[in-house]
N, C-alpha and C. Protein backbone atom coordinates (compact mmCIF):
# COMPACT_ATOMS: atom_id res chain seq x y z
N MET A 1 -17.10 25.81 -18.25
CA MET A 1 -16.74 24.40 -18.04
C MET A 1 -16.07 23.81 -19.28
N THR A 2 -16.65 24.10 -20.45
CA THR A 2 -16.08 23.58 -21.70
C THR A 2 -14.67 24.09 -21.92
N GLU A 3 -14.46 25.38 -21.63
CA GLU A 3 -13.12 25.95 -21.80
C GLU A 3 -12.13 25.31 -20.83
N THR A 4 -12.60 25.04 -19.61
CA THR A 4 -11.73 24.42 -18.61
C THR A 4 -11.32 23.02 -19.05
N LEU A 5 -12.30 22.23 -19.51
CA LEU A 5 -12.00 20.88 -19.97
C LEU A 5 -11.07 20.90 -21.17
N ALA A 6 -11.30 21.85 -22.06
CA ALA A 6 -10.42 21.96 -23.23
C ALA A 6 -9.00 22.31 -22.82
N ARG A 7 -8.86 23.19 -21.83
CA ARG A 7 -7.52 23.58 -21.37
C ARG A 7 -6.81 22.40 -20.69
N ILE A 8 -7.58 21.63 -19.91
CA ILE A 8 -7.00 20.45 -19.25
C ILE A 8 -6.55 19.43 -20.28
N ALA A 9 -7.42 19.18 -21.27
CA ALA A 9 -7.06 18.22 -22.32
C ALA A 9 -5.83 18.67 -23.09
N GLN A 10 -5.75 19.96 -23.37
CA GLN A 10 -4.60 20.49 -24.10
C GLN A 10 -3.32 20.35 -23.30
N SER A 11 -3.40 20.65 -21.99
CA SER A 11 -2.20 20.54 -21.16
C SER A 11 -1.77 19.08 -21.00
N ALA A 12 -2.74 18.17 -20.92
CA ALA A 12 -2.41 16.75 -20.83
C ALA A 12 -1.73 16.28 -22.11
N TRP A 13 -2.23 16.73 -23.24
CA TRP A 13 -1.65 16.36 -24.53
C TRP A 13 -0.23 16.91 -24.67
N GLU A 14 -0.04 18.14 -24.24
CA GLU A 14 1.29 18.75 -24.34
C GLU A 14 2.29 18.08 -23.40
N ALA A 15 1.77 17.48 -22.32
CA ALA A 15 2.67 16.81 -21.36
C ALA A 15 3.08 15.43 -21.82
N LEU A 16 2.37 14.85 -22.78
CA LEU A 16 2.61 13.47 -23.17
C LEU A 16 4.05 13.19 -23.61
N PRO A 17 4.68 14.02 -24.45
CA PRO A 17 6.06 13.70 -24.85
C PRO A 17 7.01 13.56 -23.66
N THR A 18 6.89 14.49 -22.71
CA THR A 18 7.75 14.42 -21.52
C THR A 18 7.43 13.19 -20.69
N LEU A 19 6.15 12.89 -20.53
CA LEU A 19 5.75 11.76 -19.70
C LEU A 19 6.11 10.43 -20.36
N LEU A 20 5.94 10.33 -21.65
CA LEU A 20 6.30 9.09 -22.34
C LEU A 20 7.80 8.85 -22.29
N ALA A 21 8.58 9.93 -22.28
CA ALA A 21 10.03 9.78 -22.12
C ALA A 21 10.39 9.34 -20.71
N ALA A 22 9.58 9.74 -19.73
CA ALA A 22 9.85 9.39 -18.33
C ALA A 22 9.31 8.01 -17.97
N ALA A 23 8.34 7.51 -18.72
CA ALA A 23 7.73 6.22 -18.38
C ALA A 23 8.74 5.07 -18.33
N PRO A 24 9.67 4.95 -19.31
CA PRO A 24 10.66 3.87 -19.21
C PRO A 24 11.54 3.97 -17.97
N ILE A 25 11.78 5.19 -17.50
CA ILE A 25 12.56 5.36 -16.28
C ILE A 25 11.79 4.80 -15.09
N THR A 26 10.50 5.11 -15.02
CA THR A 26 9.65 4.57 -13.96
C THR A 26 9.66 3.05 -13.98
N LEU A 27 9.43 2.47 -15.15
CA LEU A 27 9.40 1.01 -15.26
C LEU A 27 10.78 0.42 -14.97
N GLY A 28 11.83 1.10 -15.42
CA GLY A 28 13.18 0.61 -15.17
C GLY A 28 13.52 0.57 -13.69
N TYR A 29 13.13 1.61 -12.96
CA TYR A 29 13.36 1.63 -11.52
C TYR A 29 12.64 0.46 -10.85
N ALA A 30 11.39 0.24 -11.23
CA ALA A 30 10.60 -0.83 -10.61
C ALA A 30 11.21 -2.20 -10.91
N LEU A 31 11.57 -2.43 -12.16
CA LEU A 31 12.15 -3.72 -12.52
C LEU A 31 13.52 -3.94 -11.87
N ALA A 32 14.34 -2.88 -11.82
CA ALA A 32 15.65 -3.00 -11.18
C ALA A 32 15.51 -3.34 -9.70
N ALA A 33 14.59 -2.65 -9.01
CA ALA A 33 14.38 -2.92 -7.59
C ALA A 33 13.87 -4.34 -7.38
N MET A 34 13.01 -4.80 -8.29
CA MET A 34 12.48 -6.16 -8.17
C MET A 34 13.57 -7.20 -8.39
N LEU A 35 14.34 -7.04 -9.45
CA LEU A 35 15.37 -8.02 -9.78
C LEU A 35 16.48 -8.05 -8.74
N LEU A 36 16.86 -6.88 -8.24
CA LEU A 36 17.89 -6.83 -7.20
C LEU A 36 17.35 -7.24 -5.84
N GLY A 37 16.07 -6.99 -5.61
CA GLY A 37 15.48 -7.30 -4.31
C GLY A 37 15.19 -8.78 -4.12
N LEU A 38 14.93 -9.51 -5.21
CA LEU A 38 14.56 -10.93 -5.08
C LEU A 38 15.67 -11.77 -4.44
N PRO A 39 16.94 -11.70 -4.91
CA PRO A 39 17.98 -12.50 -4.25
C PRO A 39 18.17 -12.11 -2.79
N LEU A 40 18.13 -10.82 -2.49
CA LEU A 40 18.26 -10.37 -1.10
C LEU A 40 17.09 -10.88 -0.27
N ALA A 41 15.90 -10.83 -0.84
CA ALA A 41 14.71 -11.30 -0.12
C ALA A 41 14.81 -12.80 0.17
N LEU A 42 15.29 -13.57 -0.81
CA LEU A 42 15.44 -15.01 -0.60
C LEU A 42 16.46 -15.30 0.49
N LEU A 43 17.56 -14.55 0.49
CA LEU A 43 18.58 -14.72 1.52
C LEU A 43 18.02 -14.40 2.90
N VAL A 44 17.27 -13.31 3.01
CA VAL A 44 16.67 -12.93 4.29
C VAL A 44 15.65 -13.97 4.73
N ALA A 45 14.84 -14.45 3.79
CA ALA A 45 13.82 -15.45 4.13
C ALA A 45 14.46 -16.73 4.64
N LEU A 46 15.49 -17.22 3.95
CA LEU A 46 16.15 -18.45 4.38
C LEU A 46 16.86 -18.26 5.71
N THR A 47 17.42 -17.06 5.92
CA THR A 47 18.07 -16.77 7.19
C THR A 47 17.06 -16.82 8.33
N ARG A 48 15.89 -16.26 8.11
CA ARG A 48 14.86 -16.26 9.15
C ARG A 48 14.28 -17.65 9.40
N ILE A 49 14.36 -18.51 8.40
CA ILE A 49 13.83 -19.86 8.57
C ILE A 49 14.84 -20.79 9.23
N ALA A 50 16.08 -20.73 8.75
CA ALA A 50 17.04 -21.74 9.20
C ALA A 50 18.41 -21.18 9.55
N GLY A 51 18.55 -19.89 9.68
CA GLY A 51 19.86 -19.31 9.99
C GLY A 51 20.19 -19.39 11.47
N PRO A 52 21.45 -19.08 11.81
CA PRO A 52 21.83 -19.01 13.23
C PRO A 52 21.02 -17.93 13.95
N ALA A 53 20.85 -18.12 15.25
CA ALA A 53 20.00 -17.21 16.03
C ALA A 53 20.38 -15.74 15.88
N PRO A 54 21.68 -15.37 15.96
CA PRO A 54 22.01 -13.93 15.80
C PRO A 54 21.62 -13.38 14.44
N LEU A 55 21.83 -14.19 13.37
CA LEU A 55 21.47 -13.73 12.04
C LEU A 55 19.95 -13.67 11.87
N ARG A 56 19.25 -14.61 12.50
CA ARG A 56 17.78 -14.55 12.44
C ARG A 56 17.27 -13.28 13.08
N THR A 57 17.90 -12.88 14.18
CA THR A 57 17.50 -11.65 14.86
C THR A 57 17.77 -10.43 13.98
N LEU A 58 18.96 -10.38 13.37
CA LEU A 58 19.30 -9.25 12.50
C LEU A 58 18.36 -9.18 11.30
N ALA A 59 18.07 -10.34 10.71
CA ALA A 59 17.16 -10.36 9.56
C ALA A 59 15.77 -9.90 9.97
N GLY A 60 15.32 -10.32 11.15
CA GLY A 60 14.02 -9.89 11.64
C GLY A 60 13.96 -8.40 11.89
N LEU A 61 15.04 -7.83 12.44
CA LEU A 61 15.10 -6.38 12.67
C LEU A 61 15.09 -5.61 11.35
N TYR A 62 15.82 -6.13 10.37
CA TYR A 62 15.85 -5.48 9.05
C TYR A 62 14.44 -5.42 8.45
N VAL A 63 13.75 -6.55 8.47
CA VAL A 63 12.39 -6.60 7.91
C VAL A 63 11.47 -5.67 8.69
N SER A 64 11.57 -5.70 10.00
CA SER A 64 10.70 -4.87 10.83
C SER A 64 10.95 -3.39 10.58
N PHE A 65 12.22 -3.00 10.47
CA PHE A 65 12.54 -1.58 10.26
C PHE A 65 12.08 -1.11 8.88
N MET A 66 12.36 -1.90 7.85
CA MET A 66 12.02 -1.47 6.49
C MET A 66 10.51 -1.45 6.28
N ARG A 67 9.80 -2.35 6.91
CA ARG A 67 8.34 -2.37 6.77
C ARG A 67 7.66 -1.37 7.70
N GLY A 68 8.36 -0.96 8.73
CA GLY A 68 7.74 -0.09 9.74
C GLY A 68 8.07 1.38 9.60
N THR A 69 8.86 1.73 8.57
CA THR A 69 9.20 3.14 8.35
C THR A 69 8.79 3.53 6.93
N PRO A 70 8.44 4.79 6.70
CA PRO A 70 8.02 5.21 5.36
C PRO A 70 9.15 5.11 4.34
N LEU A 71 8.80 4.69 3.14
CA LEU A 71 9.79 4.61 2.07
C LEU A 71 10.42 5.97 1.79
N LEU A 72 9.64 7.03 1.91
CA LEU A 72 10.18 8.37 1.67
C LEU A 72 11.30 8.69 2.66
N VAL A 73 11.13 8.31 3.91
CA VAL A 73 12.17 8.52 4.92
C VAL A 73 13.42 7.71 4.56
N GLN A 74 13.23 6.51 4.10
CA GLN A 74 14.36 5.67 3.72
C GLN A 74 15.13 6.27 2.54
N ILE A 75 14.40 6.84 1.59
CA ILE A 75 15.07 7.51 0.47
C ILE A 75 15.91 8.67 0.96
N PHE A 76 15.35 9.48 1.86
CA PHE A 76 16.09 10.62 2.41
C PHE A 76 17.32 10.15 3.19
N MET A 77 17.16 9.08 3.99
CA MET A 77 18.28 8.57 4.79
C MET A 77 19.44 8.15 3.89
N LEU A 78 19.13 7.45 2.80
CA LEU A 78 20.19 6.95 1.93
C LEU A 78 20.82 8.06 1.09
N TYR A 79 19.96 8.92 0.52
CA TYR A 79 20.48 9.92 -0.41
C TYR A 79 21.15 11.08 0.31
N TYR A 80 20.51 11.56 1.39
CA TYR A 80 21.06 12.71 2.11
C TYR A 80 21.89 12.30 3.32
N GLY A 81 21.68 11.08 3.82
CA GLY A 81 22.38 10.66 5.03
C GLY A 81 23.72 10.00 4.78
N LEU A 82 23.84 9.22 3.69
CA LEU A 82 25.09 8.51 3.44
C LEU A 82 26.30 9.44 3.25
N PRO A 83 26.14 10.64 2.67
CA PRO A 83 27.31 11.52 2.56
C PRO A 83 27.94 11.85 3.91
N ALA A 84 27.17 11.77 5.00
CA ALA A 84 27.74 12.02 6.32
C ALA A 84 28.78 10.97 6.68
N PHE A 85 28.70 9.80 6.03
CA PHE A 85 29.67 8.72 6.27
C PHE A 85 30.69 8.65 5.13
N GLY A 86 30.74 9.68 4.32
CA GLY A 86 31.71 9.72 3.23
C GLY A 86 31.30 8.96 2.00
N VAL A 87 30.02 8.61 1.90
CA VAL A 87 29.53 7.84 0.75
C VAL A 87 28.59 8.73 -0.06
N GLN A 88 29.02 9.09 -1.25
CA GLN A 88 28.19 9.91 -2.14
C GLN A 88 27.45 8.99 -3.12
N VAL A 89 26.16 9.19 -3.25
CA VAL A 89 25.39 8.38 -4.19
C VAL A 89 24.63 9.31 -5.13
N SER A 90 24.51 8.89 -6.36
CA SER A 90 23.75 9.66 -7.34
C SER A 90 22.26 9.43 -7.11
N PRO A 91 21.41 10.30 -7.66
CA PRO A 91 19.97 10.05 -7.55
C PRO A 91 19.58 8.68 -8.08
N LEU A 92 20.20 8.24 -9.16
CA LEU A 92 19.90 6.93 -9.73
C LEU A 92 20.19 5.83 -8.72
N VAL A 93 21.40 5.84 -8.17
CA VAL A 93 21.80 4.80 -7.23
C VAL A 93 20.98 4.89 -5.94
N GLY A 94 20.80 6.11 -5.43
CA GLY A 94 20.03 6.27 -4.19
C GLY A 94 18.60 5.79 -4.34
N GLY A 95 17.97 6.11 -5.47
CA GLY A 95 16.59 5.69 -5.68
C GLY A 95 16.46 4.18 -5.81
N VAL A 96 17.32 3.57 -6.62
CA VAL A 96 17.27 2.13 -6.81
C VAL A 96 17.59 1.40 -5.50
N LEU A 97 18.57 1.90 -4.76
CA LEU A 97 18.97 1.26 -3.51
C LEU A 97 17.82 1.29 -2.50
N ALA A 98 17.18 2.44 -2.35
CA ALA A 98 16.08 2.55 -1.40
C ALA A 98 14.92 1.65 -1.80
N LEU A 99 14.55 1.66 -3.07
CA LEU A 99 13.45 0.81 -3.53
C LEU A 99 13.80 -0.67 -3.35
N THR A 100 15.05 -1.03 -3.63
CA THR A 100 15.47 -2.42 -3.51
C THR A 100 15.40 -2.91 -2.08
N LEU A 101 15.97 -2.14 -1.16
CA LEU A 101 15.98 -2.55 0.25
C LEU A 101 14.56 -2.62 0.81
N ASN A 102 13.72 -1.69 0.41
CA ASN A 102 12.34 -1.70 0.89
C ASN A 102 11.58 -2.89 0.31
N ALA A 103 11.72 -3.12 -0.99
CA ALA A 103 11.01 -4.23 -1.62
C ALA A 103 11.48 -5.57 -1.08
N ALA A 104 12.79 -5.70 -0.82
CA ALA A 104 13.32 -6.97 -0.33
C ALA A 104 12.71 -7.36 1.01
N ALA A 105 12.43 -6.38 1.85
CA ALA A 105 11.83 -6.68 3.15
C ALA A 105 10.44 -7.30 2.96
N TYR A 106 9.65 -6.71 2.08
CA TYR A 106 8.31 -7.25 1.83
C TYR A 106 8.37 -8.58 1.10
N LEU A 107 9.26 -8.67 0.11
CA LEU A 107 9.38 -9.91 -0.65
C LEU A 107 9.86 -11.07 0.23
N SER A 108 10.72 -10.76 1.21
CA SER A 108 11.23 -11.83 2.07
C SER A 108 10.12 -12.49 2.87
N GLU A 109 9.16 -11.70 3.31
CA GLU A 109 8.04 -12.27 4.05
C GLU A 109 7.16 -13.12 3.14
N THR A 110 6.99 -12.67 1.90
CA THR A 110 6.25 -13.47 0.92
C THR A 110 6.94 -14.80 0.67
N MET A 111 8.26 -14.75 0.48
CA MET A 111 9.01 -15.97 0.20
C MET A 111 9.05 -16.89 1.41
N ARG A 112 9.19 -16.31 2.58
CA ARG A 112 9.24 -17.13 3.80
C ARG A 112 7.94 -17.90 3.98
N ALA A 113 6.81 -17.20 3.78
CA ALA A 113 5.51 -17.87 3.91
C ALA A 113 5.34 -18.94 2.84
N ALA A 114 5.81 -18.67 1.62
CA ALA A 114 5.67 -19.64 0.54
C ALA A 114 6.52 -20.88 0.80
N ILE A 115 7.74 -20.68 1.29
CA ILE A 115 8.61 -21.82 1.59
C ILE A 115 8.02 -22.67 2.71
N LEU A 116 7.51 -22.01 3.74
CA LEU A 116 6.92 -22.74 4.87
C LEU A 116 5.62 -23.44 4.49
N SER A 117 5.00 -23.03 3.39
CA SER A 117 3.76 -23.67 2.96
C SER A 117 4.00 -25.04 2.32
N VAL A 118 5.23 -25.31 1.89
CA VAL A 118 5.54 -26.61 1.31
C VAL A 118 5.53 -27.66 2.42
N PRO A 119 4.77 -28.73 2.27
CA PRO A 119 4.65 -29.73 3.34
C PRO A 119 6.01 -30.27 3.79
N ARG A 120 6.14 -30.46 5.09
CA ARG A 120 7.40 -30.96 5.64
C ARG A 120 7.73 -32.34 5.11
N GLY A 121 6.70 -33.10 4.76
CA GLY A 121 6.94 -34.45 4.26
C GLY A 121 7.76 -34.49 3.00
N GLN A 122 7.73 -33.41 2.21
CA GLN A 122 8.52 -33.39 1.00
C GLN A 122 10.01 -33.27 1.30
N TRP A 123 10.34 -32.56 2.37
CA TRP A 123 11.73 -32.53 2.80
C TRP A 123 12.18 -33.94 3.20
N GLU A 124 11.32 -34.63 3.94
CA GLU A 124 11.67 -35.97 4.42
C GLU A 124 11.77 -36.96 3.27
N ALA A 125 10.86 -36.82 2.29
CA ALA A 125 10.92 -37.71 1.13
C ALA A 125 12.20 -37.48 0.33
N ALA A 126 12.58 -36.22 0.17
CA ALA A 126 13.80 -35.91 -0.56
C ALA A 126 15.03 -36.45 0.17
N ALA A 127 15.02 -36.35 1.49
CA ALA A 127 16.15 -36.87 2.27
C ALA A 127 16.25 -38.39 2.12
N SER A 128 15.10 -39.06 2.05
CA SER A 128 15.12 -40.51 1.89
C SER A 128 15.65 -40.93 0.52
N LEU A 129 15.58 -40.02 -0.44
CA LEU A 129 16.11 -40.29 -1.78
C LEU A 129 17.59 -39.91 -1.90
N GLY A 130 18.16 -39.40 -0.83
CA GLY A 130 19.58 -39.07 -0.82
C GLY A 130 19.89 -37.65 -1.25
N LEU A 131 18.88 -36.80 -1.37
CA LEU A 131 19.14 -35.41 -1.74
C LEU A 131 19.60 -34.62 -0.52
N SER A 132 20.54 -33.71 -0.76
CA SER A 132 20.98 -32.83 0.32
C SER A 132 19.93 -31.76 0.55
N ARG A 133 20.07 -31.02 1.64
CA ARG A 133 19.10 -29.96 1.93
C ARG A 133 19.15 -28.88 0.84
N ARG A 134 20.35 -28.59 0.35
CA ARG A 134 20.46 -27.59 -0.71
C ARG A 134 19.77 -28.08 -1.99
N GLN A 135 19.97 -29.35 -2.34
CA GLN A 135 19.31 -29.89 -3.53
C GLN A 135 17.79 -29.92 -3.35
N THR A 136 17.36 -30.27 -2.16
CA THR A 136 15.91 -30.30 -1.89
C THR A 136 15.32 -28.91 -2.04
N LEU A 137 16.02 -27.94 -1.49
CA LEU A 137 15.54 -26.56 -1.58
C LEU A 137 15.48 -26.10 -3.03
N ARG A 138 16.53 -26.37 -3.79
CA ARG A 138 16.62 -25.87 -5.17
C ARG A 138 15.70 -26.61 -6.12
N LEU A 139 15.59 -27.93 -5.97
CA LEU A 139 14.87 -28.73 -6.95
C LEU A 139 13.41 -28.98 -6.60
N ILE A 140 13.08 -28.94 -5.33
CA ILE A 140 11.74 -29.34 -4.91
C ILE A 140 10.98 -28.21 -4.24
N VAL A 141 11.60 -27.58 -3.25
CA VAL A 141 10.87 -26.61 -2.43
C VAL A 141 10.69 -25.28 -3.16
N LEU A 142 11.77 -24.71 -3.68
CA LEU A 142 11.68 -23.38 -4.30
C LEU A 142 10.75 -23.34 -5.51
N PRO A 143 10.76 -24.34 -6.41
CA PRO A 143 9.80 -24.29 -7.52
C PRO A 143 8.34 -24.24 -7.05
N GLN A 144 8.02 -25.01 -6.01
CA GLN A 144 6.66 -24.97 -5.49
C GLN A 144 6.37 -23.65 -4.78
N ALA A 145 7.35 -23.17 -4.02
CA ALA A 145 7.17 -21.90 -3.31
C ALA A 145 6.99 -20.75 -4.29
N ALA A 146 7.69 -20.81 -5.44
CA ALA A 146 7.57 -19.74 -6.43
C ALA A 146 6.15 -19.64 -6.96
N ARG A 147 5.49 -20.77 -7.17
CA ARG A 147 4.11 -20.75 -7.65
C ARG A 147 3.18 -20.16 -6.60
N VAL A 148 3.42 -20.51 -5.34
CA VAL A 148 2.59 -19.97 -4.27
C VAL A 148 2.79 -18.47 -4.14
N ALA A 149 4.03 -18.03 -4.31
CA ALA A 149 4.37 -16.62 -4.08
C ALA A 149 4.05 -15.73 -5.27
N LEU A 150 3.79 -16.32 -6.45
CA LEU A 150 3.66 -15.53 -7.67
C LEU A 150 2.65 -14.39 -7.57
N PRO A 151 1.43 -14.60 -7.07
CA PRO A 151 0.50 -13.46 -6.98
C PRO A 151 1.04 -12.30 -6.15
N SER A 152 1.66 -12.63 -5.00
CA SER A 152 2.21 -11.57 -4.16
C SER A 152 3.40 -10.89 -4.81
N LEU A 153 4.22 -11.66 -5.54
CA LEU A 153 5.36 -11.06 -6.23
C LEU A 153 4.88 -10.09 -7.30
N GLY A 154 3.82 -10.48 -8.02
CA GLY A 154 3.27 -9.58 -9.03
C GLY A 154 2.72 -8.31 -8.42
N ASN A 155 2.03 -8.47 -7.29
CA ASN A 155 1.48 -7.29 -6.62
C ASN A 155 2.59 -6.37 -6.12
N THR A 156 3.70 -6.96 -5.68
CA THR A 156 4.82 -6.15 -5.22
C THR A 156 5.41 -5.34 -6.37
N LEU A 157 5.54 -5.96 -7.54
CA LEU A 157 6.07 -5.24 -8.70
C LEU A 157 5.16 -4.08 -9.10
N ILE A 158 3.85 -4.32 -9.07
CA ILE A 158 2.91 -3.25 -9.39
C ILE A 158 3.02 -2.13 -8.34
N GLY A 159 3.18 -2.52 -7.08
CA GLY A 159 3.36 -1.52 -6.04
C GLY A 159 4.64 -0.72 -6.24
N LEU A 160 5.70 -1.38 -6.73
CA LEU A 160 6.95 -0.68 -6.97
C LEU A 160 6.80 0.37 -8.07
N VAL A 161 6.01 0.06 -9.09
CA VAL A 161 5.78 1.04 -10.15
C VAL A 161 5.22 2.33 -9.56
N LYS A 162 4.29 2.20 -8.63
CA LYS A 162 3.71 3.39 -8.00
C LYS A 162 4.68 4.03 -7.01
N ASP A 163 5.46 3.21 -6.32
CA ASP A 163 6.40 3.75 -5.34
C ASP A 163 7.53 4.55 -5.99
N THR A 164 7.79 4.29 -7.27
CA THR A 164 8.86 5.05 -7.93
C THR A 164 8.56 6.55 -7.94
N SER A 165 7.29 6.92 -7.77
CA SER A 165 6.96 8.35 -7.74
C SER A 165 7.68 9.07 -6.61
N LEU A 166 8.05 8.33 -5.57
CA LEU A 166 8.71 8.96 -4.43
C LEU A 166 10.14 9.39 -4.73
N VAL A 167 10.78 8.75 -5.71
CA VAL A 167 12.16 9.14 -6.01
C VAL A 167 12.21 10.48 -6.73
N SER A 168 11.05 11.02 -7.07
CA SER A 168 11.04 12.37 -7.66
C SER A 168 11.59 13.41 -6.69
N VAL A 169 11.55 13.10 -5.38
CA VAL A 169 12.02 14.07 -4.39
C VAL A 169 13.53 14.24 -4.43
N ILE A 170 14.24 13.30 -5.09
CA ILE A 170 15.70 13.45 -5.22
C ILE A 170 16.05 13.72 -6.68
N THR A 171 15.12 14.37 -7.37
CA THR A 171 15.31 14.93 -8.72
C THR A 171 15.39 13.87 -9.82
N VAL A 172 14.97 12.66 -9.56
CA VAL A 172 14.89 11.66 -10.63
C VAL A 172 13.69 12.01 -11.51
N VAL A 173 13.92 12.12 -12.81
CA VAL A 173 12.84 12.52 -13.72
C VAL A 173 12.07 11.28 -14.16
N GLU A 174 11.24 10.75 -13.26
CA GLU A 174 10.30 9.69 -13.62
C GLU A 174 8.96 10.35 -13.92
N LEU A 175 7.89 9.59 -13.91
CA LEU A 175 6.60 10.12 -14.35
C LEU A 175 6.14 11.33 -13.54
N LEU A 176 6.18 11.22 -12.22
CA LEU A 176 5.69 12.33 -11.41
C LEU A 176 6.55 13.57 -11.59
N ARG A 177 7.86 13.38 -11.58
CA ARG A 177 8.76 14.53 -11.77
C ARG A 177 8.58 15.14 -13.15
N GLY A 178 8.35 14.29 -14.14
CA GLY A 178 8.09 14.81 -15.48
C GLY A 178 6.85 15.67 -15.52
N ALA A 179 5.80 15.23 -14.82
CA ALA A 179 4.58 16.04 -14.76
C ALA A 179 4.83 17.36 -14.06
N GLN A 180 5.62 17.33 -13.00
CA GLN A 180 5.93 18.56 -12.27
C GLN A 180 6.70 19.54 -13.13
N LEU A 181 7.61 19.03 -13.95
CA LEU A 181 8.38 19.92 -14.83
C LEU A 181 7.47 20.58 -15.86
N VAL A 182 6.53 19.82 -16.37
CA VAL A 182 5.59 20.40 -17.33
C VAL A 182 4.72 21.46 -16.67
N ILE A 183 4.28 21.17 -15.45
CA ILE A 183 3.42 22.12 -14.72
C ILE A 183 4.17 23.42 -14.44
N ALA A 184 5.46 23.31 -14.12
CA ALA A 184 6.25 24.51 -13.86
C ALA A 184 6.36 25.38 -15.10
N ARG A 185 6.19 24.77 -16.25
CA ARG A 185 6.28 25.53 -17.50
C ARG A 185 4.92 26.07 -17.96
N THR A 186 3.84 25.28 -17.71
CA THR A 186 2.52 25.66 -18.23
C THR A 186 1.59 26.26 -17.18
N PHE A 187 1.89 26.02 -15.89
CA PHE A 187 1.05 26.49 -14.79
C PHE A 187 -0.37 25.89 -14.86
N GLU A 188 -0.49 24.70 -15.45
CA GLU A 188 -1.76 23.98 -15.50
C GLU A 188 -1.54 22.60 -14.89
N PRO A 189 -1.93 22.41 -13.61
CA PRO A 189 -1.55 21.18 -12.92
C PRO A 189 -2.39 19.95 -13.25
N PHE A 190 -3.68 20.13 -13.45
CA PHE A 190 -4.55 18.96 -13.51
C PHE A 190 -4.24 18.06 -14.71
N GLY A 191 -4.08 18.65 -15.88
CA GLY A 191 -3.85 17.86 -17.08
C GLY A 191 -2.61 16.99 -17.00
N PRO A 192 -1.43 17.53 -16.68
CA PRO A 192 -0.23 16.69 -16.58
C PRO A 192 -0.34 15.62 -15.51
N TYR A 193 -0.92 15.96 -14.34
CA TYR A 193 -1.08 14.95 -13.30
C TYR A 193 -2.04 13.85 -13.77
N LEU A 194 -3.11 14.23 -14.47
CA LEU A 194 -4.04 13.24 -14.99
C LEU A 194 -3.36 12.33 -16.00
N ALA A 195 -2.58 12.93 -16.88
CA ALA A 195 -1.87 12.13 -17.88
C ALA A 195 -0.89 11.17 -17.22
N ALA A 196 -0.17 11.65 -16.18
CA ALA A 196 0.76 10.78 -15.46
C ALA A 196 0.02 9.64 -14.78
N ALA A 197 -1.13 9.96 -14.16
CA ALA A 197 -1.91 8.93 -13.49
C ALA A 197 -2.38 7.86 -14.48
N LEU A 198 -2.79 8.28 -15.66
CA LEU A 198 -3.26 7.33 -16.66
C LEU A 198 -2.12 6.42 -17.13
N ILE A 199 -0.91 6.97 -17.24
CA ILE A 199 0.23 6.14 -17.65
C ILE A 199 0.59 5.16 -16.54
N TYR A 200 0.58 5.62 -15.27
CA TYR A 200 0.78 4.69 -14.16
C TYR A 200 -0.24 3.55 -14.23
N TRP A 201 -1.49 3.93 -14.45
CA TRP A 201 -2.58 2.95 -14.52
C TRP A 201 -2.36 1.97 -15.67
N LEU A 202 -1.94 2.48 -16.82
CA LEU A 202 -1.71 1.62 -17.97
C LEU A 202 -0.59 0.61 -17.68
N ILE A 203 0.53 1.09 -17.13
CA ILE A 203 1.64 0.19 -16.82
C ILE A 203 1.21 -0.87 -15.82
N SER A 204 0.50 -0.45 -14.76
CA SER A 204 0.05 -1.40 -13.74
C SER A 204 -0.92 -2.41 -14.32
N SER A 205 -1.81 -1.96 -15.20
CA SER A 205 -2.79 -2.86 -15.81
C SER A 205 -2.10 -3.89 -16.70
N LEU A 206 -1.10 -3.47 -17.47
CA LEU A 206 -0.37 -4.40 -18.33
C LEU A 206 0.40 -5.43 -17.50
N LEU A 207 1.00 -4.98 -16.40
CA LEU A 207 1.71 -5.91 -15.52
C LEU A 207 0.74 -6.90 -14.87
N ALA A 208 -0.43 -6.42 -14.47
CA ALA A 208 -1.44 -7.30 -13.87
C ALA A 208 -1.93 -8.33 -14.89
N LEU A 209 -2.09 -7.89 -16.14
CA LEU A 209 -2.51 -8.82 -17.19
C LEU A 209 -1.45 -9.89 -17.42
N ALA A 210 -0.19 -9.48 -17.47
CA ALA A 210 0.89 -10.44 -17.65
C ALA A 210 0.94 -11.42 -16.48
N GLN A 211 0.70 -10.92 -15.28
CA GLN A 211 0.70 -11.78 -14.10
C GLN A 211 -0.41 -12.82 -14.19
N ARG A 212 -1.62 -12.40 -14.58
CA ARG A 212 -2.74 -13.34 -14.68
C ARG A 212 -2.48 -14.41 -15.74
N ARG A 213 -1.89 -14.01 -16.86
CA ARG A 213 -1.59 -14.98 -17.91
C ARG A 213 -0.53 -15.98 -17.45
N LEU A 214 0.46 -15.50 -16.73
CA LEU A 214 1.50 -16.40 -16.22
C LEU A 214 0.91 -17.37 -15.21
N GLU A 215 0.04 -16.87 -14.32
CA GLU A 215 -0.61 -17.75 -13.36
C GLU A 215 -1.45 -18.81 -14.06
N ALA A 216 -2.19 -18.40 -15.10
CA ALA A 216 -3.02 -19.36 -15.83
C ALA A 216 -2.16 -20.41 -16.53
N ARG A 217 -1.04 -19.98 -17.08
CA ARG A 217 -0.13 -20.92 -17.76
C ARG A 217 0.44 -21.92 -16.77
N LEU A 218 0.86 -21.45 -15.61
CA LEU A 218 1.40 -22.36 -14.60
C LEU A 218 0.33 -23.31 -14.09
N ALA A 219 -0.91 -22.81 -13.99
CA ALA A 219 -2.01 -23.67 -13.53
C ALA A 219 -2.25 -24.80 -14.54
N ARG A 220 -2.18 -24.48 -15.84
CA ARG A 220 -2.37 -25.53 -16.85
C ARG A 220 -1.23 -26.53 -16.80
N GLN A 221 -0.01 -26.05 -16.59
CA GLN A 221 1.14 -26.96 -16.54
C GLN A 221 1.13 -27.80 -15.26
N GLY A 222 0.54 -27.19 -14.19
CA GLY A 222 0.55 -27.88 -12.91
C GLY A 222 -0.45 -29.00 -12.79
């Protein structure tokens, strides 16, 4: 048992340089998907709330499809399927695109619920002050909706950090792929996987801590 634990610890330690080099890629994918997904999610949410009927239907189908199919299948469809239409994408673009489209579907539902949670009377009060609907949305509704949505947005970002492991299937060297490369060299699986899991945990914990501090700060300001 002691020899086994020592071997696992040694393999985990040897995997650290590769994993630490891959960690920024994991975080970068998650942040890119979040930043690109937020504007798309807001557009989808507003379309579902107040868009024309055909666009509301399309937006609803998009959300239903992206939430109802596995992210891994979506990655395969984009990376391996788009070349059939003459569109070649790199692993970087394919991974970010799949994560973005998937995250936007979930984020849009969060934003839609947050926007609808703002009392209707505030829209009416803003109209009585001469504000347009766009001004009301930008100055009054969205700031309040952002506070309501913040916990869910933070949870989505943490979920994206873990979901980035799926882009390893298209040869992106993020944390999971980095661990697999080390295992192929050392033939010791547990240590590298454990080290990767601990780094995922550390990143998620730091993001959760930042989220809690931001929520507390907004609560004090509110």
